[in-house]
Structure formats: C-alpha cells, structure tokens
C-alpha cells in the first residue's frame, strides 16, 4: 500500500512497525497517551519504581532522663533520638508538652515502649501504658494499651509495649500522646543515649 499524505493532515498506508527506529521521541507522545493496560505487569523494574509509594517518614523519640514517679501523661523530658547511628527519614514529628503532631496527613504506625521501675517494696498489680489519640485536638481516647505489673521486691522492673495504626486526615486535629495509669505511681526510665521509654513513628502511605 502506498503511503498517502491526506489533505486533512493524516497519513495512511504505514503498516505496524513501519516507522524506522528513533523517529518517535518523547515529544511526539501525547501526555497520558500510554494507558495502564498497555504496560505489562513485569515491565516496571525496581530501578524505575521510585515515587510509587513506600515509607516516606520514620522518626523516633524517647525520654531523655528519668523523672519522678507519677501517673498521667508523659509531658516532659522528650527528645528525638540522636545517638549510635539513628537515622530519620523525611520530615519528622514535632512535640510540645508531650503532645505529638504529625508532619503530613497519612496512615501512620505508632510503636510505644515503656521501661518502669519501683524502688519501694510495694507491689504494683496493674500498670496501664497507653497511646492516646485525638481527632479534634481536644478529647483524647485510648488508641492502644499494654498492661503490666511490678512485684514487691525492691528495684523491680516492668516492660510495656503497644502499637497502633492511626489515620491522620488533618494534622491540626489528629495528634497523640503517651499516658500511664497505675495502681501506684510508677517511675518510667529515660536515658539520653539509649531508648528505654519512647515512641517510634512510621508513615505507611497516604490517607
């Protein structure tokens, strides 16, 4: 079939594969012209997959030292981890008086660990270690909780751990804080070099 340039600007007579290599470049392909159905499932390699998702934020905070025995929110002694190879990914969390604000909307995983100690010879049968969340920047509720206890011997310890998934749809209203409620005031341990009591945040994806 002869190649014909038509009066309306179209060309007919070119068979599939008839154009020589290199004649079609990026500028000749219209935006959004390559549909998803035209891309083979195995055509996108890991080298070309940047920007397709994955973790975009990882951050970790801890109590820098041990305060006095208490029940209630952890409002002081917070610091971002900064020793022994710690690495932060993306824009991290901000903290004010124990309230943590997220850098952007998204689905987050939150991990909390607590290391508590009782120096008096008193049994503490229940220590509730709680991640609290708010969606209105006012009312906080238990998002996740771990419960432990400390025996009656002097210098006895307890370890608590809990985790949660939190959908942050508004960074101004969706926040979290750490809380403890024990049958006797409890001393949670802190350290400026090693995380004993702290929080880890990971952004899993967009909301």
Protein backbone atom coordinates (compact mmCIF):
# COMPACT_ATOMS: atom_id res chain seq x y z
CA UNK A 1 0.00 0.00 0.00
CA UNK A 2 1.27 3.40 -0.93
CA UNK A 3 1.89 5.96 1.77
CA UNK A 4 -0.50 8.86 1.34
CA UNK A 5 -0.45 12.28 2.98
CA UNK A 6 -4.08 13.32 3.14
CA UNK A 7 -5.40 16.83 2.85
CA UNK A 8 -6.68 16.75 6.45
CA UNK A 9 -3.17 16.27 7.80
CA UNK A 10 -3.37 12.49 8.34
CA UNK A 11 -1.08 9.83 6.88
CA UNK A 12 -2.33 6.47 5.65
CA UNK A 13 -0.57 3.44 4.32
CA UNK A 14 2.00 2.96 7.12
CA UNK A 15 1.98 -0.62 8.41
CA UNK A 16 2.56 -1.57 12.03
CA UNK A 17 6.27 -1.34 12.69
CA UNK A 18 6.83 0.58 9.51
CA UNK A 19 8.46 3.60 11.12
CA UNK A 20 12.24 3.41 11.45
CA UNK A 21 13.86 3.31 14.90
CA UNK A 22 14.32 6.69 16.54
CA UNK A 23 11.68 8.56 14.53
CA UNK A 24 9.26 8.76 17.50
CA UNK A 25 10.72 10.55 20.51
CA UNK A 26 9.25 11.66 23.85
CA UNK A 27 7.97 14.95 22.44
CA UNK A 28 5.81 13.10 19.90
CA UNK A 29 3.96 11.09 22.58
CA UNK A 30 0.95 12.94 23.97
CA UNK A 31 0.58 13.33 27.72
CA UNK A 32 -1.23 10.34 29.30
CA UNK A 33 -1.17 8.56 25.92
CA UNK A 34 0.26 5.31 27.36
CA UNK A 35 -2.62 3.66 29.24
CA UNK A 36 -2.08 1.32 32.17
CA UNK A 37 -3.47 -1.59 30.14
CA UNK A 38 -0.61 -1.13 27.66
CA UNK A 39 2.08 -1.58 30.33
CA UNK A 40 2.98 -5.19 31.07
CA UNK A 41 2.94 -6.25 34.72
CA UNK A 42 6.65 -7.10 34.58
CA UNK A 43 7.69 -4.07 32.55
CA UNK A 44 8.41 -1.73 35.51
CA UNK A 45 11.63 -2.74 37.22
CA UNK A 46 12.78 -1.68 40.70
CA UNK A 47 15.12 0.86 39.10
CA UNK A 48 12.09 2.63 37.58
CA UNK A 49 9.75 2.31 40.56
CA UNK A 50 10.74 5.41 42.55
CA UNK A 51 7.79 7.53 43.56
CA UNK A 52 5.37 4.59 43.63
CA UNK A 53 4.99 4.59 47.41
CA UNK A 54 6.81 3.10 50.36
CA UNK A 55 7.89 4.64 53.64
CA UNK A 56 8.31 8.39 53.42
CA UNK A 57 8.72 9.23 57.11
CA UNK A 58 10.33 7.42 60.04
CA UNK A 59 11.04 9.13 63.35
CA UNK A 60 11.80 8.09 66.93
CA UNK A 61 11.53 9.92 70.26
CA UNK A 62 12.42 8.95 73.82
CA UNK A 63 12.56 10.15 77.40
CA UNK A 64 16.00 11.68 77.87
CA UNK A 65 16.11 11.00 81.61
CA UNK A 66 14.10 9.50 84.42
CA UNK A 67 11.62 11.77 86.13
CA UNK A 68 9.82 11.29 89.42
CA UNK A 69 7.17 8.66 90.00
CA UNK A 70 3.81 9.67 88.54
CA UNK A 71 0.52 8.72 86.96
CA UNK A 72 -0.73 10.58 83.91
CA UNK A 73 0.67 11.91 80.65
CA UNK A 74 4.35 11.97 79.76
CA UNK A 75 4.66 15.74 79.37
CA UNK A 76 8.40 16.36 79.73
CA UNK A 77 11.93 15.02 79.12
CA UNK A 78 11.19 14.23 75.45
CA UNK A 79 13.95 14.27 72.84
CA UNK A 80 14.41 12.98 69.31
CA UNK A 81 16.80 10.02 69.25
CA UNK A 82 20.22 11.27 68.19
CA UNK A 83 22.87 8.67 69.03
CA UNK A 84 24.52 5.47 67.84
CA UNK A 85 23.58 5.58 64.17
CA UNK A 86 20.00 6.82 64.46
CA UNK A 87 18.57 7.93 61.11
CA UNK A 88 15.44 10.00 60.49
CA UNK A 89 13.54 9.70 57.23
CA UNK A 90 11.59 12.67 55.88
CA UNK A 91 10.07 15.46 57.93
CA UNK A 92 9.66 14.11 61.43
CA UNK A 93 7.24 14.67 64.28
CA UNK A 94 7.02 17.75 66.45
CA UNK A 95 6.41 17.60 70.20
CA UNK A 96 5.08 20.10 72.73
CA UNK A 97 4.42 19.18 76.38
CA UNK A 98 4.12 15.53 75.39
CA UNK A 99 1.68 16.10 72.50
CA UNK A 100 2.97 14.84 69.15
CA UNK A 101 1.94 16.49 65.87
CA UNK A 102 2.29 14.74 62.51
CA UNK A 103 4.13 16.40 59.60
CA UNK A 104 1.53 15.48 56.96
CA UNK A 105 -1.70 13.58 56.53
CA UNK A 106 -1.47 9.83 56.01
CA UNK A 107 -1.68 6.40 57.58
CA UNK A 108 0.85 6.04 60.41
CA UNK A 109 2.11 3.18 62.52
CA UNK A 110 2.98 4.12 66.10
CA UNK A 111 5.05 1.90 68.40
CA UNK A 112 5.46 2.68 72.10
CA UNK A 113 7.71 1.05 74.67
CA UNK A 114 7.98 1.74 78.38
CA UNK A 115 10.51 0.66 80.99
CA UNK A 116 9.24 1.24 84.53
CA UNK A 117 10.75 0.70 87.96
CA UNK A 118 9.57 0.72 91.54
CA UNK A 119 12.18 1.39 94.25
CA UNK A 120 9.90 0.88 97.25
CA UNK A 121 8.95 -2.58 98.46
CA UNK A 122 5.40 -2.26 97.11
CA UNK A 123 3.66 -4.46 94.57
CA UNK A 124 2.03 -2.61 91.67
CA UNK A 125 -0.55 -5.06 90.32
CA UNK A 126 -1.54 -3.00 87.27
CA UNK A 127 0.36 -0.55 85.07
CA UNK A 128 -1.59 0.61 82.03
CA UNK A 129 0.69 2.03 79.33
CA UNK A 130 -1.42 3.81 76.71
CA UNK A 131 -1.10 5.52 73.33
CA UNK A 132 -3.82 8.17 73.38
CA UNK A 133 -5.16 9.89 70.27
CA UNK A 134 -7.40 12.82 69.45
CA UNK A 135 -9.18 13.69 66.23
CA UNK A 136 -10.46 17.08 67.43
CA UNK A 137 -7.31 18.43 69.16
CA UNK A 138 -9.17 18.23 72.46
CA UNK A 139 -10.62 14.90 73.56
CA UNK A 140 -8.16 12.02 73.92
CA UNK A 141 -9.02 8.32 73.96
CA UNK A 142 -7.01 5.12 74.29
CA UNK A 143 -5.81 4.07 70.85
CA UNK A 144 -3.70 1.14 72.09
CA UNK A 145 -2.76 -0.15 75.55
CA UNK A 146 -0.41 -2.59 77.26
CA UNK A 147 -0.80 -3.69 80.88
CA UNK A 148 1.95 -4.98 83.17
CA UNK A 149 2.81 -5.22 86.84
CA UNK A 150 5.76 -4.97 89.22
CA UNK A 151 6.37 -7.39 92.08
CA UNK A 152 7.03 -6.39 95.67
CA UNK A 153 10.82 -6.68 95.67
CA UNK A 154 12.97 -3.54 95.71
CA UNK A 155 14.32 -2.40 92.32
CA UNK A 156 11.81 -4.48 90.37
CA UNK A 157 11.10 -3.61 86.74
CA UNK A 158 8.32 -3.92 84.18
CA UNK A 159 8.35 -3.55 80.40
CA UNK A 160 5.37 -2.41 78.34
CA UNK A 161 4.86 -2.34 74.58
CA UNK A 162 1.93 -1.42 72.35
CA UNK A 163 1.39 -0.32 68.76
CA UNK A 164 -1.37 1.27 66.71
CA UNK A 165 -2.36 2.40 63.22
CA UNK A 166 -3.62 5.99 63.09
CA UNK A 167 -5.30 7.65 60.11
CA UNK A 168 -4.24 11.30 60.18
CA UNK A 169 -6.68 13.17 57.96
CA UNK A 170 -5.93 16.59 59.48
CA UNK A 171 -2.59 17.47 61.08
CA UNK A 172 -4.19 20.27 63.11
CA UNK A 173 -6.67 17.99 64.88
CA UNK A 174 -5.17 14.47 64.81
CA UNK A 175 -2.48 14.09 67.48
CA UNK A 176 -1.21 11.55 70.00
CA UNK A 177 0.37 11.43 73.44
CA UNK A 178 1.62 8.77 75.85
CA UNK A 179 -0.17 8.05 79.13
CA UNK A 180 0.20 5.75 82.12
CA UNK A 181 -2.29 4.75 84.79
CA UNK A 182 -1.01 2.53 87.58
CA UNK A 183 -2.36 1.40 90.93
CA UNK A 184 0.64 3.17 92.49
CA UNK A 185 2.72 5.98 90.97
CA UNK A 186 5.36 4.46 88.73
CA UNK A 187 8.82 5.57 87.66
CA UNK A 188 9.36 5.25 83.89
CA UNK A 189 13.00 5.15 82.89
CA UNK A 190 14.71 7.52 80.46
CA UNK A 191 18.19 7.85 79.00
CA UNK A 192 19.81 10.33 76.60
CA UNK A 193 21.81 7.61 74.83
CA UNK A 194 19.53 4.55 74.81
CA UNK A 195 15.78 4.35 74.26
CA UNK A 196 14.11 2.90 77.34
CA UNK A 197 10.77 4.67 77.16
CA UNK A 198 9.82 6.12 73.81
CA UNK A 199 7.80 6.26 70.61
CA UNK A 200 8.51 5.33 67.01
CA UNK A 201 6.52 6.70 64.06
CA UNK A 202 6.31 5.37 60.50
CA UNK A 203 4.20 6.80 57.70
CA UNK A 204 2.87 3.80 55.76
CA UNK A 205 1.07 5.67 53.00
CA UNK A 206 -1.42 8.36 52.07
CA UNK A 207 -4.80 8.59 53.75
